[in-house]
Amino acid sequence: MLVSSMFPSTYLKATDLVDSDHPEPVLQISDCTMEEMPAFEGKEPEMRPVIGFTNSDKRMVLNQTNASMIAFLHGEETDGWQGKMIQLHTPPVAFKGVVNPAIRVRDTVPSVLTDTPSNDPLPF
């Protein structure tokens, strides 16, 4: 059993992609909302942007890097992101001296003809 599967989450994690049959999924955005995230390392809880997808039950908490990439691809207004497609990948990223895979949004809009997401939810 994978340790990552012992701690299920409603939010998408890099290990969900790395350990799946869909390591670079094409996802269609259903909504973007602000949600309160729990306190981390002694900090206060904070509101963070979170996007949902039409073809995944898991939601994705956006960091500034991914929010900026989606804005580059689909515009600054998050209400305009509904129905738009993005593709994720998991490059290695250094954080506090440790390199791990991180979720990133690809810098191109997936082709509607070749990368259209399935109506079936992805298994993560």
C-alpha atoms as a PDB file:
ATOM      1  CA  MET A   1       0.000   0.000   0.000  1.00  0.00           C
ATOM      2  CA  LEU A   2       1.283   3.467  -0.851  1.00  0.00           C
ATOM      3  CA  VAL A   3       1.643   5.829   2.093  1.00  0.00           C
ATOM      4  CA  SER A   4      -0.012   8.551  -0.013  1.00  0.00           C
ATOM      5  CA  SER A   5      -3.156   6.397  -0.256  1.00  0.00           C
ATOM      6  CA  MET A   6      -3.365   6.167   3.545  1.00  0.00           C
ATOM      7  CA  PHE A   7      -4.225   9.861   3.810  1.00  0.00           C
ATOM      8  CA  PRO A   8      -7.009  10.587   1.309  1.00  0.00           C
ATOM      9  CA  SER A   9      -7.787  14.207   0.539  1.00  0.00           C
ATOM     10  CA  THR A  10     -10.500  16.077  -1.328  1.00  0.00           C
ATOM     11  CA  TYR A  11      -7.716  18.171  -2.862  1.00  0.00           C
ATOM     12  CA  LEU A  12      -5.442  17.071  -5.680  1.00  0.00           C
ATOM     13  CA  LYS A  13      -1.858  16.253  -4.662  1.00  0.00           C
ATOM     14  CA  ALA A  14       1.184  15.674  -6.865  1.00  0.00           C
ATOM     15  CA  THR A  15       1.300  12.043  -5.734  1.00  0.00           C
ATOM     16  CA  ASP A  16      -2.238  11.579  -7.106  1.00  0.00           C
ATOM     17  CA  LEU A  17      -0.841  12.254 -10.573  1.00  0.00           C
ATOM     18  CA  VAL A  18       2.552  10.563 -10.212  1.00  0.00           C
ATOM     19  CA  ASP A  19       0.982   7.347  -8.906  1.00  0.00           C
ATOM     20  CA  SER A  20      -1.812   7.225 -11.512  1.00  0.00           C
ATOM     21  CA  ASP A  21      -2.421   6.097 -15.069  1.00  0.00           C
ATOM     22  CA  HIS A  22      -2.963   9.795 -15.919  1.00  0.00           C
ATOM     23  CA  PRO A  23       0.261  11.602 -14.930  1.00  0.00           C
ATOM     24  CA  GLU A  24      -0.490  14.577 -17.234  1.00  0.00           C
ATOM     25  CA  PRO A  25      -4.276  14.860 -17.224  1.00  0.00           C
ATOM     26  CA  VAL A  26      -6.310  17.291 -19.293  1.00  0.00           C
ATOM     27  CA  LEU A  27      -8.955  18.745 -17.004  1.00  0.00           C
ATOM     28  CA  GLN A  28     -11.916  21.001 -17.674  1.00  0.00           C
ATOM     29  CA  ILE A  29     -12.441  23.723 -15.073  1.00  0.00           C
ATOM     30  CA  SER A  30     -15.929  23.798 -13.554  1.00  0.00           C
ATOM     31  CA  ASP A  31     -15.512  26.615 -11.032  1.00  0.00           C
ATOM     32  CA  CYS A  32     -13.119  28.736  -9.012  1.00  0.00           C
ATOM     33  CA  THR A  33     -13.970  29.613  -5.420  1.00  0.00           C
ATOM     34  CA  MET A  34     -12.217  30.919  -2.335  1.00  0.00           C
ATOM     35  CA  GLU A  35     -11.998  28.349   0.476  1.00  0.00           C
ATOM     36  CA  GLU A  36     -10.533  28.526   3.956  1.00  0.00           C
ATOM     37  CA  MET A  37      -7.452  26.369   4.323  1.00  0.00           C
ATOM     38  CA  PRO A  38      -6.414  25.046   7.730  1.00  0.00           C
ATOM     39  CA  ALA A  39      -3.581  26.660   9.671  1.00  0.00           C
ATOM     40  CA  PHE A  40      -0.105  25.503   8.639  1.00  0.00           C
ATOM     41  CA  GLU A  41       3.066  25.638  10.729  1.00  0.00           C
ATOM     42  CA  GLY A  42       1.638  27.956  13.385  1.00  0.00           C
ATOM     43  CA  LYS A  43       0.048  30.369  10.903  1.00  0.00           C
ATOM     44  CA  GLU A  44      -3.580  31.465  10.866  1.00  0.00           C
ATOM     45  CA  PRO A  45      -6.066  29.779   8.502  1.00  0.00           C
ATOM     46  CA  GLU A  46      -6.246  31.597   5.174  1.00  0.00           C
ATOM     47  CA  MET A  47      -8.546  31.906   2.198  1.00  0.00           C
ATOM     48  CA  ARG A  48      -7.109  30.335  -0.967  1.00  0.00           C
ATOM     49  CA  PRO A  49      -8.416  30.000  -4.534  1.00  0.00           C
ATOM     50  CA  VAL A  50      -9.564  26.473  -5.368  1.00  0.00           C
ATOM     51  CA  ILE A  51     -10.677  25.156  -8.754  1.00  0.00           C
ATOM     52  CA  GLY A  52     -13.002  22.247  -9.433  1.00  0.00           C
ATOM     53  CA  PHE A  53     -13.114  20.103 -12.537  1.00  0.00           C
ATOM     54  CA  THR A  54     -15.886  18.512 -14.565  1.00  0.00           C
ATOM     55  CA  ASN A  55     -13.871  15.297 -14.941  1.00  0.00           C
ATOM     56  CA  SER A  56     -12.372  14.846 -11.454  1.00  0.00           C
ATOM     57  CA  ASP A  57     -13.889  14.584  -8.006  1.00  0.00           C
ATOM     58  CA  LYS A  58     -10.825  16.238  -6.486  1.00  0.00           C
ATOM     59  CA  ARG A  59     -10.349  19.993  -6.387  1.00  0.00           C
ATOM     60  CA  MET A  60      -7.039  21.830  -6.752  1.00  0.00           C
ATOM     61  CA  VAL A  61      -5.793  24.492  -4.362  1.00  0.00           C
ATOM     62  CA  LEU A  62      -4.083  27.142  -6.467  1.00  0.00           C
ATOM     63  CA  ASN A  63      -0.743  28.659  -5.623  1.00  0.00           C
ATOM     64  CA  GLN A  64       0.304  31.919  -7.265  1.00  0.00           C
ATOM     65  CA  THR A  65       2.320  30.085  -9.953  1.00  0.00           C
ATOM     66  CA  ASN A  66      -0.618  27.969 -11.144  1.00  0.00           C
ATOM     67  CA  ALA A  67      -3.189  30.780 -10.824  1.00  0.00           C
ATOM     68  CA  SER A  68      -0.935  33.044 -12.903  1.00  0.00           C
ATOM     69  CA  MET A  69      -0.494  30.363 -15.585  1.00  0.00           C
ATOM     70  CA  ILE A  70      -4.265  29.811 -15.852  1.00  0.00           C
ATOM     71  CA  ALA A  71      -4.738  33.593 -16.060  1.00  0.00           C
ATOM     72  CA  PHE A  72      -2.101  33.709 -18.828  1.00  0.00           C
ATOM     73  CA  LEU A  73      -3.967  30.983 -20.740  1.00  0.00           C
ATOM     74  CA  HIS A  74      -7.581  31.983 -20.071  1.00  0.00           C
ATOM     75  CA  GLY A  75      -7.657  35.548 -18.749  1.00  0.00           C
ATOM     76  CA  GLU A  76      -7.524  37.281 -15.382  1.00  0.00           C
ATOM     77  CA  GLU A  77     -11.259  36.934 -14.635  1.00  0.00           C
ATOM     78  CA  THR A  78     -11.786  33.604 -12.866  1.00  0.00           C
ATOM     79  CA  ASP A  79     -15.483  33.553 -13.812  1.00  0.00           C
ATOM     80  CA  GLY A  80     -14.258  33.155 -17.408  1.00  0.00           C
ATOM     81  CA  TRP A  81     -12.337  29.982 -16.566  1.00  0.00           C
ATOM     82  CA  GLN A  82     -15.473  27.825 -16.399  1.00  0.00           C
ATOM     83  CA  GLY A  83     -15.413  25.286 -19.234  1.00  0.00           C
ATOM     84  CA  LYS A  84     -11.767  25.992 -20.092  1.00  0.00           C
ATOM     85  CA  MET A  85      -9.226  23.183 -20.273  1.00  0.00           C
ATOM     86  CA  ILE A  86      -5.811  22.927 -18.674  1.00  0.00           C
ATOM     87  CA  GLN A  87      -3.185  20.215 -18.605  1.00  0.00           C
ATOM     88  CA  LEU A  88      -1.270  19.371 -15.444  1.00  0.00           C
ATOM     89  CA  HIS A  89       2.179  17.844 -14.996  1.00  0.00           C
ATOM     90  CA  THR A  90       4.486  17.174 -12.049  1.00  0.00           C
ATOM     91  CA  PRO A  91       8.017  18.527 -12.530  1.00  0.00           C
ATOM     92  CA  PRO A  92      10.528  18.250  -9.682  1.00  0.00           C
ATOM     93  CA  VAL A  93      10.551  21.427  -7.579  1.00  0.00           C
ATOM     94  CA  ALA A  94      12.880  22.381  -4.727  1.00  0.00           C
ATOM     95  CA  PHE A  95      11.169  23.599  -1.540  1.00  0.00           C
ATOM     96  CA  LYS A  96      13.074  24.222   1.675  1.00  0.00           C
ATOM     97  CA  GLY A  97      16.045  22.289   0.301  1.00  0.00           C
ATOM     98  CA  VAL A  98      14.055  19.174  -0.644  1.00  0.00           C
ATOM     99  CA  VAL A  99      13.132  18.224  -4.222  1.00  0.00           C
ATOM    100  CA  ASN A 100       9.683  16.695  -4.755  1.00  0.00           C
ATOM    101  CA  PRO A 101       7.158  16.575  -7.595  1.00  0.00           C
ATOM    102  CA  ALA A 102       4.785  19.544  -7.660  1.00  0.00           C
ATOM    103  CA  ILE A 103       1.596  20.116  -9.615  1.00  0.00           C
ATOM    104  CA  ARG A 104       2.037  22.678 -12.367  1.00  0.00           C
ATOM    105  CA  VAL A 105      -0.229  23.887 -15.181  1.00  0.00           C
ATOM    106  CA  ARG A 106       1.283  23.468 -18.644  1.00  0.00           C
ATOM    107  CA  ASP A 107       1.836  26.699 -20.571  1.00  0.00           C
ATOM    108  CA  THR A 108      -0.300  25.660 -23.550  1.00  0.00           C
ATOM    109  CA  VAL A 109      -4.035  25.197 -23.963  1.00  0.00           C
ATOM    110  CA  PRO A 110      -4.831  21.535 -24.679  1.00  0.00           C
ATOM    111  CA  SER A 111      -6.103  20.845 -28.189  1.00  0.00           C
ATOM    112  CA  VAL A 112      -9.859  20.324 -28.269  1.00  0.00           C
ATOM    113  CA  LEU A 113      -9.463  17.673 -30.976  1.00  0.00           C
ATOM    114  CA  THR A 114      -6.770  15.509 -29.395  1.00  0.00           C
ATOM    115  CA  ASP A 115      -6.874  16.258 -25.668  1.00  0.00           C
ATOM    116  CA  THR A 116     -10.596  16.551 -24.938  1.00  0.00           C
ATOM    117  CA  PRO A 117     -11.239  15.280 -21.443  1.00  0.00           C
ATOM    118  CA  SER A 118     -13.391  12.212 -20.986  1.00  0.00           C
ATOM    119  CA  ASN A 119     -16.785  12.601 -19.350  1.00  0.00           C
ATOM    120  CA  ASP A 120     -15.745   9.835 -16.942  1.00  0.00           C
ATOM    121  CA  PRO A 121     -14.133  11.113 -13.744  1.00  0.00           C
ATOM    122  CA  LEU A 122     -10.424  10.442 -13.454  1.00  0.00           C
ATOM    123  CA  PRO A 123      -9.540   7.958 -10.707  1.00  0.00           C
ATOM    124  CA  PHE A 124      -7.903  10.459  -8.352  1.00  0.00           C
END
